[in-house]
Amino acid sequence: MRTKRIYLTGFMTSGKSTIGPILANVLGWDFYDLDKVIEKEQGKSIVEIFEELGEEKFRKIEHETISRIASQENLVLSLGGGTITVDEIYSKLKSTGTLIYLKVTPEMLYKRLKNKIDRPLFRDLVLAENSKEEFIERIERMLNERSKYYEGSDLIIDSDNYPVGITVDKIAKKIKRFINEKN
């Protein structure tokens, strides 16, 4: 049943890994963070995997890991920010669960990313101390590239200016309503 799996998507630092375990706890379901599962299984950080194997191989690892985890029910899975940009992965997620997009503005994403060196797609900007404008320009470009996937989610939740608890409550209420409509 599609409604027994919840996939949290959104740009990096949108709150997927923070909201996911709390939401799973509220629902009484299991929680997985895709990046952490991959890091544990590969014995390397996401940055190392990207650097050593490249993005294409990393996406293949993501797909294999999702396929395995998604065979379970009653789970919340936090995805990586770019996970859904591979059509095969996107189709798998849409057909096996409820996809929830945690939407955050570029300005807020900049505030959350500006000092993080553990994000492969922004590491160069952080290390080079690029300007705020260059940073936000890359965020906006990536959001535009991913928008068809993000906006195609089953539920879209604004997680920009709300405390985590309120965001989780909003999601839980919408999920319960969504599940009731689908059953």
N, C-alpha and C. Protein backbone atom coordinates (compact mmCIF):
# COMPACT_ATOMS: atom_id res chain seq x y z
N MET A 1 0.84 -1.19 0.00
CA MET A 1 0.00 0.00 0.00
C MET A 1 0.88 1.25 0.00
N ARG A 2 0.64 2.14 -0.92
CA ARG A 2 1.44 3.34 -1.13
C ARG A 2 1.48 4.26 0.09
N THR A 3 0.41 4.26 0.87
CA THR A 3 0.33 5.20 1.99
C THR A 3 1.09 4.73 3.23
N LYS A 4 1.71 3.57 3.17
CA LYS A 4 2.46 3.05 4.31
C LYS A 4 3.94 3.43 4.25
N ARG A 5 4.31 4.25 3.27
CA ARG A 5 5.68 4.73 3.13
C ARG A 5 5.64 6.22 2.87
N ILE A 6 6.43 6.95 3.64
CA ILE A 6 6.51 8.40 3.45
C ILE A 6 7.94 8.74 3.11
N TYR A 7 8.09 9.47 2.00
CA TYR A 7 9.41 9.92 1.56
C TYR A 7 9.47 11.44 1.70
N LEU A 8 10.44 11.93 2.46
CA LEU A 8 10.63 13.37 2.63
C LEU A 8 11.68 13.84 1.64
N THR A 9 11.30 14.81 0.82
CA THR A 9 12.23 15.37 -0.14
C THR A 9 12.31 16.88 0.07
N GLY A 10 13.26 17.47 -0.57
CA GLY A 10 13.49 18.91 -0.47
C GLY A 10 14.96 19.19 -0.64
N PHE A 11 15.27 20.45 -0.80
CA PHE A 11 16.65 20.87 -0.98
C PHE A 11 17.46 20.53 0.27
N MET A 12 18.77 20.39 0.11
CA MET A 12 19.61 20.14 1.27
C MET A 12 19.35 21.22 2.33
N THR A 13 19.35 20.82 3.56
CA THR A 13 19.07 21.64 4.75
C THR A 13 17.60 22.09 4.85
N SER A 14 16.70 21.42 4.16
CA SER A 14 15.29 21.80 4.27
C SER A 14 14.63 21.22 5.52
N GLY A 15 15.32 20.34 6.22
CA GLY A 15 14.80 19.81 7.47
C GLY A 15 14.39 18.35 7.43
N LYS A 16 14.70 17.66 6.35
CA LYS A 16 14.28 16.26 6.18
C LYS A 16 14.81 15.36 7.31
N SER A 17 16.09 15.49 7.63
CA SER A 17 16.71 14.63 8.63
C SER A 17 16.32 15.01 10.06
N THR A 18 15.87 16.22 10.24
CA THR A 18 15.41 16.67 11.56
C THR A 18 13.94 16.29 11.76
N ILE A 19 13.13 16.55 10.76
CA ILE A 19 11.69 16.31 10.84
C ILE A 19 11.38 14.81 10.74
N GLY A 20 12.12 14.09 9.91
CA GLY A 20 11.86 12.67 9.66
C GLY A 20 11.72 11.81 10.90
N PRO A 21 12.71 11.80 11.81
CA PRO A 21 12.59 10.91 12.97
C PRO A 21 11.45 11.32 13.90
N ILE A 22 11.19 12.60 14.00
CA ILE A 22 10.09 13.07 14.86
C ILE A 22 8.76 12.63 14.27
N LEU A 23 8.61 12.81 12.96
CA LEU A 23 7.39 12.40 12.27
C LEU A 23 7.19 10.89 12.41
N ALA A 24 8.24 10.12 12.21
CA ALA A 24 8.15 8.66 12.35
C ALA A 24 7.70 8.29 13.76
N ASN A 25 8.22 8.98 14.74
CA ASN A 25 7.85 8.72 16.13
C ASN A 25 6.37 9.03 16.37
N VAL A 26 5.91 10.15 15.84
CA VAL A 26 4.49 10.54 15.97
C VAL A 26 3.58 9.48 15.35
N LEU A 27 4.00 8.96 14.19
CA LEU A 27 3.20 7.96 13.48
C LEU A 27 3.40 6.54 14.02
N GLY A 28 4.45 6.35 14.83
CA GLY A 28 4.77 5.02 15.33
C GLY A 28 5.42 4.14 14.26
N TRP A 29 6.12 4.75 13.33
CA TRP A 29 6.75 4.06 12.21
C TRP A 29 8.26 4.08 12.36
N ASP A 30 8.95 3.33 11.50
CA ASP A 30 10.42 3.33 11.48
C ASP A 30 10.92 4.53 10.69
N PHE A 31 12.13 4.97 11.01
CA PHE A 31 12.74 6.09 10.30
C PHE A 31 14.09 5.67 9.74
N TYR A 32 14.35 6.12 8.50
CA TYR A 32 15.65 5.94 7.86
C TYR A 32 16.06 7.26 7.22
N ASP A 33 17.33 7.57 7.34
CA ASP A 33 17.92 8.70 6.65
C ASP A 33 18.78 8.09 5.54
N LEU A 34 18.38 8.30 4.29
CA LEU A 34 19.05 7.65 3.16
C LEU A 34 20.56 7.89 3.16
N ASP A 35 20.99 9.12 3.36
CA ASP A 35 22.43 9.41 3.36
C ASP A 35 23.16 8.64 4.46
N LYS A 36 22.57 8.57 5.64
CA LYS A 36 23.23 7.87 6.75
C LYS A 36 23.29 6.36 6.50
N VAL A 37 22.24 5.80 5.90
CA VAL A 37 22.25 4.37 5.56
C VAL A 37 23.36 4.10 4.55
N ILE A 38 23.46 4.95 3.53
CA ILE A 38 24.50 4.77 2.50
C ILE A 38 25.89 4.92 3.10
N GLU A 39 26.08 5.94 3.93
CA GLU A 39 27.40 6.14 4.56
C GLU A 39 27.80 4.92 5.39
N LYS A 40 26.85 4.38 6.14
CA LYS A 40 27.15 3.21 6.97
C LYS A 40 27.50 2.00 6.11
N GLU A 41 26.70 1.77 5.08
CA GLU A 41 26.93 0.60 4.21
C GLU A 41 28.21 0.72 3.38
N GLN A 42 28.53 1.94 2.94
CA GLN A 42 29.71 2.15 2.09
C GLN A 42 30.98 2.38 2.91
N GLY A 43 30.82 2.71 4.18
CA GLY A 43 31.97 2.99 5.04
C GLY A 43 32.68 4.28 4.66
N LYS A 44 31.93 5.21 4.02
CA LYS A 44 32.48 6.49 3.57
C LYS A 44 31.42 7.57 3.72
N SER A 45 31.89 8.81 3.81
CA SER A 45 30.94 9.93 3.85
C SER A 45 30.38 10.17 2.45
N ILE A 46 29.26 10.87 2.39
CA ILE A 46 28.66 11.21 1.10
C ILE A 46 29.66 12.02 0.27
N VAL A 47 30.37 12.94 0.90
CA VAL A 47 31.38 13.74 0.19
C VAL A 47 32.43 12.82 -0.44
N GLU A 48 32.91 11.84 0.32
CA GLU A 48 33.92 10.91 -0.20
C GLU A 48 33.37 10.08 -1.36
N ILE A 49 32.13 9.63 -1.22
CA ILE A 49 31.52 8.83 -2.29
C ILE A 49 31.41 9.67 -3.57
N PHE A 50 30.94 10.91 -3.43
CA PHE A 50 30.84 11.81 -4.58
C PHE A 50 32.20 12.01 -5.23
N GLU A 51 33.22 12.28 -4.40
CA GLU A 51 34.55 12.56 -4.93
C GLU A 51 35.17 11.34 -5.60
N GLU A 52 34.99 10.16 -5.01
CA GLU A 52 35.63 8.94 -5.52
C GLU A 52 34.87 8.30 -6.68
N LEU A 53 33.53 8.30 -6.61
CA LEU A 53 32.73 7.58 -7.59
C LEU A 53 31.95 8.46 -8.55
N GLY A 54 31.75 9.72 -8.18
CA GLY A 54 30.97 10.63 -9.01
C GLY A 54 29.48 10.56 -8.70
N GLU A 55 28.75 11.55 -9.19
CA GLU A 55 27.33 11.65 -8.87
C GLU A 55 26.51 10.52 -9.48
N GLU A 56 26.85 10.12 -10.72
CA GLU A 56 26.07 9.07 -11.39
C GLU A 56 26.10 7.75 -10.60
N LYS A 57 27.28 7.34 -10.17
CA LYS A 57 27.41 6.11 -9.38
C LYS A 57 26.71 6.27 -8.02
N PHE A 58 26.82 7.47 -7.44
CA PHE A 58 26.15 7.72 -6.16
C PHE A 58 24.64 7.55 -6.31
N ARG A 59 24.07 8.06 -7.39
CA ARG A 59 22.61 7.94 -7.62
C ARG A 59 22.22 6.48 -7.80
N LYS A 60 23.08 5.68 -8.39
CA LYS A 60 22.81 4.25 -8.54
C LYS A 60 22.76 3.59 -7.16
N ILE A 61 23.69 3.95 -6.30
CA ILE A 61 23.71 3.42 -4.93
C ILE A 61 22.43 3.84 -4.20
N GLU A 62 22.03 5.10 -4.40
CA GLU A 62 20.77 5.58 -3.79
C GLU A 62 19.59 4.72 -4.23
N HIS A 63 19.50 4.49 -5.54
CA HIS A 63 18.38 3.73 -6.08
C HIS A 63 18.33 2.32 -5.50
N GLU A 64 19.47 1.66 -5.43
CA GLU A 64 19.53 0.30 -4.86
C GLU A 64 19.12 0.31 -3.40
N THR A 65 19.56 1.31 -2.66
CA THR A 65 19.25 1.41 -1.23
C THR A 65 17.76 1.69 -1.03
N ILE A 66 17.20 2.59 -1.82
CA ILE A 66 15.76 2.90 -1.73
C ILE A 66 14.95 1.65 -2.05
N SER A 67 15.32 0.92 -3.08
CA SER A 67 14.58 -0.29 -3.46
C SER A 67 14.53 -1.29 -2.31
N ARG A 68 15.62 -1.40 -1.61
CA ARG A 68 15.68 -2.34 -0.48
C ARG A 68 14.82 -1.84 0.70
N ILE A 69 14.99 -0.57 1.06
CA ILE A 69 14.26 -0.01 2.20
C ILE A 69 12.76 0.05 1.91
N ALA A 70 12.41 0.40 0.68
CA ALA A 70 11.00 0.57 0.31
C ALA A 70 10.23 -0.73 0.23
N SER A 71 10.89 -1.84 0.46
CA SER A 71 10.16 -3.11 0.50
C SER A 71 9.44 -3.26 1.84
N GLN A 72 9.78 -2.40 2.80
CA GLN A 72 9.13 -2.41 4.11
C GLN A 72 7.91 -1.48 4.09
N GLU A 73 7.08 -1.61 5.11
CA GLU A 73 5.96 -0.69 5.27
C GLU A 73 6.12 0.05 6.59
N ASN A 74 5.27 1.05 6.78
CA ASN A 74 5.29 1.87 8.00
C ASN A 74 6.67 2.48 8.23
N LEU A 75 7.11 3.24 7.22
CA LEU A 75 8.41 3.88 7.33
C LEU A 75 8.38 5.31 6.81
N VAL A 76 9.26 6.10 7.39
CA VAL A 76 9.53 7.45 6.92
C VAL A 76 10.99 7.44 6.48
N LEU A 77 11.23 7.88 5.24
CA LEU A 77 12.58 7.89 4.68
C LEU A 77 12.93 9.31 4.25
N SER A 78 13.97 9.87 4.85
CA SER A 78 14.47 11.18 4.44
C SER A 78 15.44 10.97 3.29
N LEU A 79 15.17 11.62 2.18
CA LEU A 79 15.98 11.49 0.97
C LEU A 79 17.05 12.56 0.92
N GLY A 80 18.04 12.36 0.08
CA GLY A 80 19.00 13.41 -0.20
C GLY A 80 18.34 14.47 -1.08
N GLY A 81 18.88 15.66 -1.11
CA GLY A 81 18.28 16.76 -1.86
C GLY A 81 18.11 16.52 -3.34
N GLY A 82 19.02 15.75 -3.95
CA GLY A 82 18.94 15.50 -5.38
C GLY A 82 18.46 14.11 -5.75
N THR A 83 18.09 13.32 -4.76
CA THR A 83 17.69 11.94 -5.00
C THR A 83 16.60 11.82 -6.06
N ILE A 84 15.60 12.67 -6.00
CA ILE A 84 14.44 12.52 -6.90
C ILE A 84 14.69 13.02 -8.32
N THR A 85 15.87 13.54 -8.59
CA THR A 85 16.13 14.08 -9.93
C THR A 85 16.46 13.01 -10.96
N VAL A 86 16.53 11.78 -10.53
CA VAL A 86 16.73 10.65 -11.45
C VAL A 86 15.34 10.08 -11.71
N ASP A 87 14.92 10.10 -12.97
CA ASP A 87 13.55 9.70 -13.31
C ASP A 87 13.17 8.32 -12.76
N GLU A 88 14.08 7.38 -12.84
CA GLU A 88 13.80 6.03 -12.36
C GLU A 88 13.53 6.03 -10.85
N ILE A 89 14.31 6.80 -10.10
CA ILE A 89 14.12 6.90 -8.65
C ILE A 89 12.81 7.63 -8.36
N TYR A 90 12.57 8.73 -9.06
CA TYR A 90 11.34 9.51 -8.86
C TYR A 90 10.11 8.62 -9.07
N SER A 91 10.10 7.85 -10.15
CA SER A 91 8.98 6.95 -10.44
C SER A 91 8.79 5.91 -9.34
N LYS A 92 9.90 5.37 -8.86
CA LYS A 92 9.85 4.37 -7.78
C LYS A 92 9.23 4.98 -6.53
N LEU A 93 9.66 6.17 -6.18
CA LEU A 93 9.14 6.83 -4.98
C LEU A 93 7.65 7.12 -5.12
N LYS A 94 7.26 7.66 -6.27
CA LYS A 94 5.85 8.02 -6.49
C LYS A 94 4.95 6.79 -6.49
N SER A 95 5.46 5.66 -6.95
CA SER A 95 4.62 4.47 -7.05
C SER A 95 4.59 3.64 -5.77
N THR A 96 5.53 3.88 -4.84
CA THR A 96 5.59 3.04 -3.64
C THR A 96 5.28 3.79 -2.35
N GLY A 97 5.11 5.11 -2.41
CA GLY A 97 4.87 5.84 -1.17
C GLY A 97 4.31 7.22 -1.41
N THR A 98 4.19 7.97 -0.33
CA THR A 98 3.71 9.35 -0.36
C THR A 98 4.94 10.26 -0.30
N LEU A 99 5.10 11.07 -1.33
CA LEU A 99 6.25 11.97 -1.43
C LEU A 99 5.87 13.34 -0.88
N ILE A 100 6.64 13.80 0.11
CA ILE A 100 6.37 15.09 0.75
C ILE A 100 7.56 16.01 0.53
N TYR A 101 7.27 17.17 -0.03
CA TYR A 101 8.30 18.18 -0.32
C TYR A 101 8.32 19.22 0.79
N LEU A 102 9.46 19.34 1.47
CA LEU A 102 9.67 20.38 2.47
C LEU A 102 10.26 21.59 1.76
N LYS A 103 9.43 22.58 1.55
CA LYS A 103 9.79 23.74 0.73
C LYS A 103 10.40 24.84 1.59
N VAL A 104 11.54 25.36 1.14
CA VAL A 104 12.27 26.41 1.85
C VAL A 104 12.73 27.44 0.82
N THR A 105 12.72 28.72 1.19
CA THR A 105 13.14 29.78 0.27
C THR A 105 14.65 29.77 0.06
N PRO A 106 15.11 30.27 -1.09
CA PRO A 106 16.56 30.34 -1.34
C PRO A 106 17.31 31.13 -0.25
N GLU A 107 16.72 32.18 0.25
CA GLU A 107 17.36 33.00 1.29
C GLU A 107 17.61 32.17 2.56
N MET A 108 16.61 31.42 2.97
CA MET A 108 16.75 30.58 4.17
C MET A 108 17.75 29.45 3.91
N LEU A 109 17.72 28.88 2.71
CA LEU A 109 18.68 27.83 2.37
C LEU A 109 20.10 28.37 2.43
N TYR A 110 20.30 29.60 1.94
CA TYR A 110 21.62 30.21 2.01
C TYR A 110 22.09 30.30 3.46
N LYS A 111 21.21 30.76 4.34
CA LYS A 111 21.57 30.90 5.76
C LYS A 111 21.99 29.56 6.36
N ARG A 112 21.32 28.50 5.93
CA ARG A 112 21.60 27.17 6.48
C ARG A 112 22.83 26.53 5.85
N LEU A 113 23.16 26.90 4.62
CA LEU A 113 24.26 26.26 3.88
C LEU A 113 25.58 27.02 3.90
N LYS A 114 25.55 28.30 4.18
CA LYS A 114 26.71 29.16 3.94
C LYS A 114 28.01 28.73 4.62
N ASN A 115 27.93 27.94 5.68
CA ASN A 115 29.15 27.51 6.37
C ASN A 115 29.36 26.00 6.36
N LYS A 116 28.56 25.28 5.62
CA LYS A 116 28.63 23.81 5.63
C LYS A 116 29.58 23.29 4.54
N ILE A 117 30.60 22.57 4.96
CA ILE A 117 31.53 22.01 3.98
C ILE A 117 31.23 20.53 3.69
N ASP A 118 30.18 19.99 4.34
CA ASP A 118 29.84 18.58 4.13
C ASP A 118 28.79 18.40 3.05
N ARG A 119 28.54 19.42 2.24
CA ARG A 119 27.57 19.34 1.15
C ARG A 119 28.33 19.40 -0.16
N PRO A 120 28.47 18.26 -0.85
CA PRO A 120 29.33 18.19 -2.04
C PRO A 120 29.04 19.24 -3.10
N LEU A 121 27.78 19.57 -3.31
CA LEU A 121 27.43 20.50 -4.40
C LEU A 121 27.63 21.97 -4.02
N PHE A 122 27.98 22.24 -2.76
CA PHE A 122 28.22 23.63 -2.32
C PHE A 122 29.58 23.80 -1.65
N ARG A 123 30.28 22.73 -1.49
CA ARG A 123 31.58 22.77 -0.80
C ARG A 123 32.53 23.79 -1.43
N ASP A 124 32.56 23.83 -2.77
CA ASP A 124 33.48 24.76 -3.44
C ASP A 124 33.14 26.22 -3.12
N LEU A 125 31.84 26.54 -3.04
CA LEU A 125 31.44 27.93 -2.73
C LEU A 125 31.81 28.30 -1.30
N VAL A 126 31.62 27.38 -0.38
CA VAL A 126 31.95 27.64 1.02
C VAL A 126 33.45 27.82 1.18
N LEU A 127 34.23 26.91 0.61
CA LEU A 127 35.68 26.97 0.76
C LEU A 127 36.28 28.19 0.06
N ALA A 128 35.69 28.61 -1.05
CA ALA A 128 36.19 29.78 -1.78
C ALA A 128 35.64 31.09 -1.22
N GLU A 129 34.76 30.96 -0.22
CA GLU A 129 34.14 32.13 0.40
C GLU A 129 33.49 33.03 -0.65
N ASN A 130 32.71 32.42 -1.53
CA ASN A 130 32.01 33.17 -2.57
C ASN A 130 30.95 34.09 -1.96
N SER A 131 30.51 35.03 -2.77
CA SER A 131 29.55 36.01 -2.28
C SER A 131 28.17 35.38 -2.06
N LYS A 132 27.39 36.06 -1.25
CA LYS A 132 26.02 35.63 -0.97
C LYS A 132 25.23 35.53 -2.28
N GLU A 133 25.43 36.47 -3.18
CA GLU A 133 24.70 36.49 -4.45
C GLU A 133 25.02 35.26 -5.29
N GLU A 134 26.32 34.88 -5.36
CA GLU A 134 26.72 33.69 -6.12
C GLU A 134 26.11 32.42 -5.52
N PHE A 135 26.09 32.39 -4.20
CA PHE A 135 25.54 31.26 -3.48
C PHE A 135 24.04 31.12 -3.78
N ILE A 136 23.31 32.20 -3.62
CA ILE A 136 21.86 32.17 -3.85
C ILE A 136 21.56 31.89 -5.32
N GLU A 137 22.39 32.39 -6.22
CA GLU A 137 22.20 32.12 -7.65
C GLU A 137 22.29 30.61 -7.92
N ARG A 138 23.26 29.93 -7.30
CA ARG A 138 23.38 28.48 -7.50
C ARG A 138 22.18 27.76 -6.89
N ILE A 139 21.76 28.18 -5.71
CA ILE A 139 20.58 27.58 -5.07
C ILE A 139 19.37 27.72 -5.98
N GLU A 140 19.15 28.93 -6.49
CA GLU A 140 17.98 29.17 -7.36
C GLU A 140 18.06 28.34 -8.64
N ARG A 141 19.24 28.24 -9.20
CA ARG A 141 19.41 27.44 -10.42
C ARG A 141 19.08 25.97 -10.14
N MET A 142 19.59 25.46 -9.03
CA MET A 142 19.33 24.06 -8.68
C MET A 142 17.86 23.84 -8.34
N LEU A 143 17.25 24.78 -7.65
CA LEU A 143 15.81 24.66 -7.34
C LEU A 143 15.00 24.64 -8.64
N ASN A 144 15.37 25.49 -9.59
CA ASN A 144 14.67 25.51 -10.88
C ASN A 144 14.82 24.18 -11.61
N GLU A 145 16.02 23.61 -11.59
CA GLU A 145 16.27 22.32 -12.25
C GLU A 145 15.47 21.19 -11.60
N ARG A 146 15.27 21.29 -10.31
CA ARG A 146 14.59 20.23 -9.56
C ARG A 146 13.10 20.49 -9.36
N SER A 147 12.62 21.65 -9.73
CA SER A 147 11.26 22.05 -9.38
C SER A 147 10.18 21.10 -9.90
N LYS A 148 10.35 20.54 -11.10
CA LYS A 148 9.32 19.64 -11.62
C LYS A 148 9.19 18.40 -10.74
N TYR A 149 10.28 17.98 -10.15
CA TYR A 149 10.24 16.82 -9.25
C TYR A 149 9.66 17.22 -7.89
N TYR A 150 10.21 18.28 -7.32
CA TYR A 150 9.73 18.74 -6.01
C TYR A 150 8.24 19.08 -6.06
N GLU A 151 7.86 19.84 -7.08
CA GLU A 151 6.46 20.29 -7.18
C GLU A 151 5.51 19.15 -7.53
N GLY A 152 6.05 18.03 -8.00
CA GLY A 152 5.23 16.87 -8.31
C GLY A 152 4.96 15.99 -7.09
N SER A 153 5.39 16.44 -5.93
CA SER A 153 5.17 15.68 -4.70
C SER A 153 3.68 15.60 -4.37
N ASP A 154 3.33 14.60 -3.58
CA ASP A 154 1.94 14.42 -3.16
C ASP A 154 1.50 15.53 -2.21
N LEU A 155 2.41 15.96 -1.34
CA LEU A 155 2.14 17.05 -0.40
C LEU A 155 3.31 18.01 -0.41
N ILE A 156 3.01 19.30 -0.33
CA ILE A 156 4.06 20.32 -0.26
C ILE A 156 3.86 21.08 1.05
N ILE A 157 4.90 21.11 1.86
CA ILE A 157 4.84 21.74 3.18
C ILE A 157 5.87 22.86 3.24
N ASP A 158 5.41 24.06 3.56
CA ASP A 158 6.32 25.18 3.76
C ASP A 158 7.02 24.97 5.11
N SER A 159 8.32 24.74 5.08
CA SER A 159 9.05 24.50 6.34
C SER A 159 10.07 25.61 6.60
N ASP A 160 9.81 26.76 6.00
CA ASP A 160 10.74 27.88 6.07
C ASP A 160 10.80 28.56 7.43
N ASN A 161 9.67 28.97 7.92
CA ASN A 161 9.65 29.82 9.11
C ASN A 161 8.88 29.22 10.28
N TYR A 162 8.71 27.92 10.27
CA TYR A 162 7.97 27.28 11.33
C TYR A 162 8.89 26.45 12.21
N PRO A 163 8.63 26.43 13.52
CA PRO A 163 9.40 25.53 14.39
C PRO A 163 9.15 24.08 13.98
N VAL A 164 10.10 23.22 14.27
CA VAL A 164 10.04 21.82 13.87
C VAL A 164 8.73 21.16 14.34
N GLY A 165 8.34 21.39 15.58
CA GLY A 165 7.14 20.77 16.13
C GLY A 165 5.89 21.13 15.35
N ILE A 166 5.77 22.38 14.97
CA ILE A 166 4.60 22.82 14.20
C ILE A 166 4.63 22.20 12.81
N THR A 167 5.81 22.14 12.20
CA THR A 167 5.94 21.52 10.88
C THR A 167 5.54 20.05 10.94
N VAL A 168 6.01 19.33 11.96
CA VAL A 168 5.66 17.92 12.11
C VAL A 168 4.16 17.76 12.29
N ASP A 169 3.55 18.61 13.12
CA ASP A 169 2.09 18.54 13.33
C ASP A 169 1.34 18.76 12.03
N LYS A 170 1.78 19.76 11.25
CA LYS A 170 1.14 20.02 9.95
C LYS A 170 1.23 18.81 9.03
N ILE A 171 2.42 18.21 8.99
CA ILE A 171 2.62 17.05 8.12
C ILE A 171 1.76 15.88 8.61
N ALA A 172 1.80 15.60 9.91
CA ALA A 172 1.04 14.46 10.45
C ALA A 172 -0.45 14.60 10.15
N LYS A 173 -0.99 15.79 10.32
CA LYS A 173 -2.42 16.02 10.03
C LYS A 173 -2.71 15.82 8.55
N LYS A 174 -1.85 16.36 7.70
CA LYS A 174 -2.07 16.22 6.26
C LYS A 174 -1.91 14.77 5.81
N ILE A 175 -0.96 14.07 6.41
CA ILE A 175 -0.74 12.67 6.05
C ILE A 175 -1.96 11.83 6.44
N LYS A 176 -2.46 12.05 7.65
CA LYS A 176 -3.63 11.29 8.09
C LYS A 176 -4.82 11.54 7.18
N ARG A 177 -5.00 12.80 6.78
CA ARG A 177 -6.08 13.14 5.85
C ARG A 177 -5.82 12.49 4.49
N PHE A 178 -4.58 12.58 4.03
CA PHE A 178 -4.20 12.02 2.73
C PHE A 178 -4.39 10.51 2.73
N ILE A 179 -3.96 9.83 3.79
CA ILE A 179 -4.10 8.38 3.88
C ILE A 179 -5.59 7.99 3.88
N ASN A 180 -6.39 8.73 4.63
CA ASN A 180 -7.83 8.44 4.67
C ASN A 180 -8.49 8.61 3.30
N GLU A 181 -8.04 9.62 2.54
CA GLU A 181 -8.58 9.84 1.19
C GLU A 181 -8.18 8.71 0.25
N LYS A 182 -6.98 8.18 0.41
CA LYS A 182 -6.46 7.15 -0.51
C LYS A 182 -7.03 5.76 -0.19
N ASN A 183 -7.51 5.57 1.04
CA ASN A 183 -8.01 4.23 1.42
C ASN A 183 -9.51 4.12 1.29
